[in-house]
N, C-alpha and C. Protein backbone atom coordinates (compact mmCIF):
# COMPACT_ATOMS: atom_id res chain seq x y z
N UNK A 1 13.71 -50.18 40.74
CA UNK A 1 13.72 -50.53 39.32
C UNK A 1 12.33 -50.28 38.75
N UNK A 2 12.28 -49.58 37.65
CA UNK A 2 11.02 -49.21 36.96
C UNK A 2 10.51 -50.37 36.07
N UNK A 3 9.26 -50.73 36.24
CA UNK A 3 8.70 -51.74 35.38
C UNK A 3 8.33 -51.11 34.03
N UNK A 4 8.82 -51.77 32.96
CA UNK A 4 8.52 -51.27 31.57
C UNK A 4 7.05 -51.21 31.33
N UNK A 5 6.67 -50.28 30.48
CA UNK A 5 5.26 -50.15 30.10
C UNK A 5 4.89 -51.36 29.32
N UNK A 6 3.68 -51.90 29.40
CA UNK A 6 3.24 -53.02 28.62
C UNK A 6 3.16 -52.59 27.15
N UNK A 7 3.41 -53.51 26.31
CA UNK A 7 3.29 -53.30 24.87
C UNK A 7 1.86 -53.48 24.37
N UNK A 8 1.04 -52.52 24.74
CA UNK A 8 -0.37 -52.60 24.36
C UNK A 8 -0.82 -51.26 23.76
N UNK A 9 -1.86 -51.31 23.02
CA UNK A 9 -2.48 -50.09 22.45
C UNK A 9 -3.82 -49.89 23.26
N UNK A 10 -3.84 -48.78 23.99
CA UNK A 10 -5.03 -48.52 24.71
C UNK A 10 -6.10 -47.84 23.79
N UNK A 11 -7.23 -48.49 23.57
CA UNK A 11 -8.24 -47.83 22.69
C UNK A 11 -8.73 -46.50 23.21
N UNK A 12 -9.21 -45.73 22.34
CA UNK A 12 -9.71 -44.43 22.83
C UNK A 12 -10.97 -44.70 23.64
N UNK A 13 -11.03 -44.02 24.82
CA UNK A 13 -12.14 -44.24 25.74
C UNK A 13 -13.06 -43.04 25.77
N UNK A 14 -14.23 -43.25 26.36
CA UNK A 14 -15.25 -42.25 26.56
C UNK A 14 -15.20 -41.73 28.01
N UNK A 15 -14.84 -40.46 28.15
CA UNK A 15 -14.68 -40.00 29.52
C UNK A 15 -15.97 -40.06 30.32
N UNK A 16 -17.10 -39.72 29.69
CA UNK A 16 -18.39 -39.74 30.45
C UNK A 16 -18.72 -41.20 30.87
N UNK A 17 -18.54 -42.15 30.00
CA UNK A 17 -18.80 -43.54 30.36
C UNK A 17 -17.85 -43.99 31.44
N UNK A 18 -16.57 -43.55 31.36
CA UNK A 18 -15.62 -43.83 32.40
C UNK A 18 -15.98 -43.24 33.72
N UNK A 19 -16.59 -42.06 33.73
CA UNK A 19 -17.03 -41.42 35.01
C UNK A 19 -18.11 -42.36 35.65
N UNK A 20 -19.05 -42.81 34.81
CA UNK A 20 -20.08 -43.67 35.39
C UNK A 20 -19.48 -45.00 35.92
N UNK A 21 -18.53 -45.53 35.12
CA UNK A 21 -17.91 -46.81 35.58
C UNK A 21 -17.15 -46.54 36.89
N UNK A 22 -16.44 -45.40 37.05
CA UNK A 22 -15.70 -45.11 38.25
C UNK A 22 -16.69 -45.11 39.42
N UNK A 23 -17.81 -44.39 39.25
CA UNK A 23 -18.79 -44.25 40.30
C UNK A 23 -19.30 -45.67 40.72
N UNK A 24 -19.54 -46.51 39.71
CA UNK A 24 -20.12 -47.86 39.97
C UNK A 24 -19.11 -48.86 40.53
N UNK A 25 -17.86 -48.79 40.05
CA UNK A 25 -16.88 -49.86 40.32
C UNK A 25 -15.75 -49.45 41.26
N UNK A 26 -15.55 -48.10 41.39
CA UNK A 26 -14.30 -47.71 42.06
C UNK A 26 -14.51 -46.81 43.28
N UNK A 27 -15.61 -45.99 43.20
CA UNK A 27 -15.81 -44.96 44.20
C UNK A 27 -16.08 -45.47 45.59
N UNK A 28 -16.46 -46.74 45.75
CA UNK A 28 -16.64 -47.28 47.05
C UNK A 28 -15.33 -47.31 47.81
N UNK A 29 -14.23 -47.43 47.15
CA UNK A 29 -12.88 -47.58 47.77
C UNK A 29 -11.95 -46.40 47.46
N UNK A 30 -12.20 -45.63 46.40
CA UNK A 30 -11.29 -44.64 45.96
C UNK A 30 -11.98 -43.30 45.69
N UNK A 31 -11.30 -42.19 46.00
CA UNK A 31 -11.76 -40.87 45.56
C UNK A 31 -10.89 -40.50 44.36
N UNK A 32 -11.42 -39.60 43.54
CA UNK A 32 -10.62 -39.15 42.39
C UNK A 32 -10.62 -37.60 42.21
N UNK A 33 -11.36 -36.88 43.11
CA UNK A 33 -11.34 -35.50 43.03
C UNK A 33 -10.02 -34.93 43.67
N UNK A 34 -9.65 -33.71 43.27
CA UNK A 34 -8.44 -33.10 43.84
C UNK A 34 -8.56 -32.95 45.30
N UNK A 35 -7.62 -33.35 46.06
CA UNK A 35 -7.71 -33.29 47.49
C UNK A 35 -8.49 -34.34 48.15
N UNK A 36 -8.90 -35.33 47.33
CA UNK A 36 -9.77 -36.49 47.83
C UNK A 36 -9.09 -37.26 48.98
N UNK A 37 -9.88 -37.79 49.83
CA UNK A 37 -9.46 -38.49 50.98
C UNK A 37 -9.02 -39.92 50.74
N UNK A 38 -8.21 -40.43 51.59
CA UNK A 38 -7.83 -41.87 51.60
C UNK A 38 -9.07 -42.62 52.08
N UNK A 39 -9.46 -43.59 51.34
CA UNK A 39 -10.57 -44.47 51.78
C UNK A 39 -9.98 -45.84 52.00
N UNK A 40 -10.69 -46.90 51.55
CA UNK A 40 -10.08 -48.24 51.65
C UNK A 40 -8.92 -48.32 50.63
N UNK A 41 -8.96 -47.54 49.56
CA UNK A 41 -7.91 -47.46 48.61
C UNK A 41 -7.38 -46.05 48.61
N UNK A 42 -6.22 -45.81 47.93
CA UNK A 42 -5.64 -44.46 47.89
C UNK A 42 -6.41 -43.56 46.98
N UNK A 43 -6.32 -42.24 47.15
CA UNK A 43 -6.88 -41.30 46.18
C UNK A 43 -6.29 -41.45 44.80
N UNK A 44 -7.04 -41.25 43.78
CA UNK A 44 -6.55 -41.46 42.40
C UNK A 44 -6.49 -40.19 41.61
N UNK A 45 -6.64 -39.00 42.19
CA UNK A 45 -6.44 -37.75 41.50
C UNK A 45 -5.00 -37.69 41.01
N UNK A 46 -4.82 -37.45 39.72
CA UNK A 46 -3.44 -37.33 39.16
C UNK A 46 -2.59 -38.59 39.19
N UNK A 47 -3.26 -39.75 39.10
CA UNK A 47 -2.58 -40.98 39.28
C UNK A 47 -1.56 -41.29 38.13
N UNK A 48 -1.88 -40.85 36.92
CA UNK A 48 -0.88 -41.08 35.83
C UNK A 48 0.31 -40.25 35.93
N UNK A 49 1.47 -40.89 35.91
CA UNK A 49 2.77 -40.23 36.05
C UNK A 49 3.29 -40.42 37.47
N UNK A 50 2.46 -40.99 38.37
CA UNK A 50 2.83 -41.24 39.78
C UNK A 50 3.41 -42.61 40.03
N UNK A 51 4.42 -42.67 40.91
CA UNK A 51 4.96 -43.96 41.29
C UNK A 51 3.96 -44.76 42.06
N UNK A 52 3.82 -45.99 41.76
CA UNK A 52 2.93 -46.87 42.50
C UNK A 52 3.33 -46.95 43.99
N UNK A 53 2.34 -46.84 44.86
CA UNK A 53 2.62 -47.00 46.29
C UNK A 53 3.19 -45.78 46.94
N UNK A 54 2.91 -44.61 46.39
CA UNK A 54 3.56 -43.41 46.88
C UNK A 54 2.65 -42.32 47.52
N UNK A 55 1.37 -42.57 47.65
CA UNK A 55 0.46 -41.55 48.28
C UNK A 55 0.63 -41.61 49.78
N UNK A 56 1.00 -40.47 50.34
CA UNK A 56 1.17 -40.42 51.83
C UNK A 56 -0.21 -40.65 52.55
N UNK A 57 -0.17 -41.37 53.60
CA UNK A 57 -1.39 -41.60 54.35
C UNK A 57 -2.08 -42.89 54.00
N UNK A 58 -1.58 -43.63 52.97
CA UNK A 58 -2.23 -44.90 52.62
C UNK A 58 -1.18 -46.02 52.88
N UNK A 59 -1.61 -47.06 53.56
CA UNK A 59 -0.73 -48.19 53.93
C UNK A 59 -0.76 -49.22 52.77
N UNK A 60 0.13 -48.98 51.86
CA UNK A 60 0.25 -49.89 50.66
C UNK A 60 0.92 -51.18 51.05
N UNK A 61 0.65 -52.24 50.29
CA UNK A 61 1.36 -53.50 50.43
C UNK A 61 2.79 -53.28 49.98
N UNK A 62 3.71 -54.09 50.46
CA UNK A 62 5.09 -54.03 49.98
C UNK A 62 5.18 -54.30 48.49
N UNK A 63 4.35 -55.23 47.99
CA UNK A 63 4.29 -55.55 46.59
C UNK A 63 4.05 -54.28 45.74
N UNK A 64 3.05 -53.50 46.21
CA UNK A 64 2.66 -52.25 45.46
C UNK A 64 3.84 -51.23 45.55
N UNK A 65 4.32 -51.06 46.71
CA UNK A 65 5.45 -50.09 46.90
C UNK A 65 6.67 -50.44 46.06
N UNK A 66 6.91 -51.78 45.94
CA UNK A 66 8.12 -52.21 45.21
C UNK A 66 7.91 -52.65 43.79
N UNK A 67 6.70 -52.40 43.24
CA UNK A 67 6.36 -52.81 41.87
C UNK A 67 7.15 -52.18 40.77
N UNK A 68 7.65 -50.97 41.05
CA UNK A 68 8.41 -50.24 40.00
C UNK A 68 7.53 -49.62 38.93
N UNK A 69 6.22 -49.57 39.19
CA UNK A 69 5.27 -49.01 38.18
C UNK A 69 5.21 -47.51 38.32
N UNK A 70 5.36 -46.82 37.20
CA UNK A 70 4.98 -45.44 37.14
C UNK A 70 3.68 -45.48 36.37
N UNK A 71 2.57 -45.11 37.00
CA UNK A 71 1.24 -45.31 36.41
C UNK A 71 1.05 -44.57 35.10
N UNK A 72 0.52 -45.21 34.12
CA UNK A 72 0.23 -44.69 32.78
C UNK A 72 -1.04 -45.32 32.30
N UNK A 73 -1.57 -44.85 31.21
CA UNK A 73 -2.79 -45.48 30.72
C UNK A 73 -2.51 -46.92 30.35
N UNK A 74 -1.32 -47.27 29.80
CA UNK A 74 -1.01 -48.67 29.52
C UNK A 74 -0.89 -49.56 30.69
N UNK A 75 -0.25 -49.08 31.72
CA UNK A 75 -0.17 -49.90 32.98
C UNK A 75 -1.56 -50.09 33.53
N UNK A 76 -2.32 -49.04 33.64
CA UNK A 76 -3.61 -49.13 34.28
C UNK A 76 -4.58 -49.99 33.49
N UNK A 77 -4.50 -49.90 32.14
CA UNK A 77 -5.36 -50.73 31.27
C UNK A 77 -5.11 -52.17 31.47
N UNK A 78 -3.84 -52.56 31.62
CA UNK A 78 -3.48 -54.00 31.89
C UNK A 78 -3.79 -54.39 33.35
N UNK A 79 -3.49 -53.50 34.27
CA UNK A 79 -3.66 -53.74 35.69
C UNK A 79 -5.15 -54.02 35.95
N UNK A 80 -6.07 -53.31 35.34
CA UNK A 80 -7.48 -53.43 35.61
C UNK A 80 -8.11 -54.73 35.17
N UNK A 81 -7.36 -55.48 34.29
CA UNK A 81 -7.80 -56.82 33.86
C UNK A 81 -7.88 -57.73 35.10
N UNK A 82 -6.78 -57.69 35.94
CA UNK A 82 -6.75 -58.55 37.07
C UNK A 82 -5.61 -57.97 37.99
N UNK A 83 -5.97 -57.09 38.92
CA UNK A 83 -4.99 -56.44 39.71
C UNK A 83 -4.03 -57.40 40.57
N UNK A 84 -4.62 -58.48 41.01
CA UNK A 84 -3.77 -59.43 41.80
C UNK A 84 -2.80 -60.14 40.95
N UNK A 85 -3.06 -60.32 39.66
CA UNK A 85 -2.08 -60.91 38.79
C UNK A 85 -1.01 -59.95 38.37
N UNK A 86 -1.43 -58.67 38.14
CA UNK A 86 -0.48 -57.62 37.66
C UNK A 86 0.48 -57.26 38.75
N UNK A 87 0.00 -57.15 39.98
CA UNK A 87 0.92 -56.88 41.12
C UNK A 87 0.63 -57.98 42.17
N UNK A 88 1.24 -59.16 42.05
CA UNK A 88 1.09 -60.21 43.05
C UNK A 88 1.37 -59.70 44.44
N UNK A 89 0.45 -59.87 45.37
CA UNK A 89 0.64 -59.42 46.73
C UNK A 89 -0.08 -58.08 46.97
N UNK A 90 -0.73 -57.53 45.98
CA UNK A 90 -1.42 -56.24 46.23
C UNK A 90 -2.61 -56.46 47.17
N UNK A 91 -2.98 -55.48 47.92
CA UNK A 91 -4.18 -55.54 48.82
C UNK A 91 -5.43 -55.22 48.11
N UNK A 92 -5.42 -54.79 46.88
CA UNK A 92 -6.59 -54.40 46.17
C UNK A 92 -7.49 -55.63 45.92
N UNK A 93 -8.68 -55.54 46.43
CA UNK A 93 -9.63 -56.64 46.38
C UNK A 93 -10.67 -56.27 45.31
N UNK A 94 -10.27 -56.35 44.11
CA UNK A 94 -11.15 -56.04 42.93
C UNK A 94 -10.88 -57.13 41.92
N UNK A 95 -11.91 -57.75 41.41
CA UNK A 95 -11.82 -58.93 40.55
C UNK A 95 -11.25 -58.49 39.18
N UNK A 96 -11.46 -57.25 38.73
CA UNK A 96 -10.95 -56.75 37.47
C UNK A 96 -12.09 -56.49 36.53
N UNK A 97 -11.72 -55.81 35.46
CA UNK A 97 -12.63 -55.54 34.34
C UNK A 97 -12.09 -56.18 33.08
N UNK A 98 -12.86 -57.13 32.58
CA UNK A 98 -12.39 -57.94 31.47
C UNK A 98 -12.64 -57.24 30.10
N UNK A 99 -13.69 -56.40 30.06
CA UNK A 99 -14.06 -55.74 28.80
C UNK A 99 -13.08 -54.59 28.43
N UNK A 100 -12.52 -54.69 27.27
CA UNK A 100 -11.52 -53.74 26.82
C UNK A 100 -12.14 -52.29 26.77
N UNK A 101 -13.29 -52.16 26.30
CA UNK A 101 -13.99 -50.86 26.19
C UNK A 101 -14.15 -50.20 27.57
N UNK A 102 -14.55 -50.99 28.50
CA UNK A 102 -14.74 -50.45 29.91
C UNK A 102 -13.42 -50.00 30.47
N UNK A 103 -12.35 -50.77 30.27
CA UNK A 103 -11.03 -50.36 30.75
C UNK A 103 -10.61 -49.09 30.10
N UNK A 104 -10.79 -48.97 28.80
CA UNK A 104 -10.44 -47.83 28.03
C UNK A 104 -11.18 -46.58 28.49
N UNK A 105 -12.53 -46.76 28.77
CA UNK A 105 -13.35 -45.63 29.25
C UNK A 105 -12.82 -45.18 30.62
N UNK A 106 -12.52 -46.10 31.51
CA UNK A 106 -12.05 -45.81 32.82
C UNK A 106 -10.70 -45.10 32.71
N UNK A 107 -9.84 -45.53 31.89
CA UNK A 107 -8.55 -44.89 31.69
C UNK A 107 -8.68 -43.45 31.21
N UNK A 108 -9.58 -43.27 30.26
CA UNK A 108 -9.82 -41.93 29.75
C UNK A 108 -10.37 -41.01 30.84
N UNK A 109 -11.27 -41.49 31.69
CA UNK A 109 -11.76 -40.67 32.78
C UNK A 109 -10.68 -40.35 33.76
N UNK A 110 -9.87 -41.32 34.12
CA UNK A 110 -8.81 -41.17 35.11
C UNK A 110 -7.74 -40.10 34.55
N UNK A 111 -7.49 -40.18 33.25
CA UNK A 111 -6.56 -39.25 32.64
C UNK A 111 -7.07 -37.85 32.66
N UNK A 112 -8.42 -37.69 32.66
CA UNK A 112 -9.05 -36.40 32.67
C UNK A 112 -9.07 -35.77 34.07
N UNK A 113 -8.77 -36.59 35.06
CA UNK A 113 -8.81 -36.11 36.46
C UNK A 113 -7.39 -35.90 36.98
N UNK A 114 -6.87 -34.78 36.64
CA UNK A 114 -5.51 -34.40 37.18
C UNK A 114 -4.43 -34.83 36.24
């Protein structure tokens, strides 16, 4: 079952600021370049449009595999506030990004990568 997209408006983000945020907050656990390796988290190249929990070679939680999320900027924008609340049972150990602008910048960067 597919989870409906959240009814949110994702503000326009800055790709360059998003790249810096990714490096600072995400790159320890995720790659985002094409052909990037599995680290503590799955590779995020081309994440938008992809079914949650579907990258081969990464051991996702059942919660993530069964979430019904097709990743979009809206899902990611809301997920990044508090991943454990958005997908209860996820293995992602990230407290979240509370600032709307930072989430928008990160989403813009991720959208530019695949």
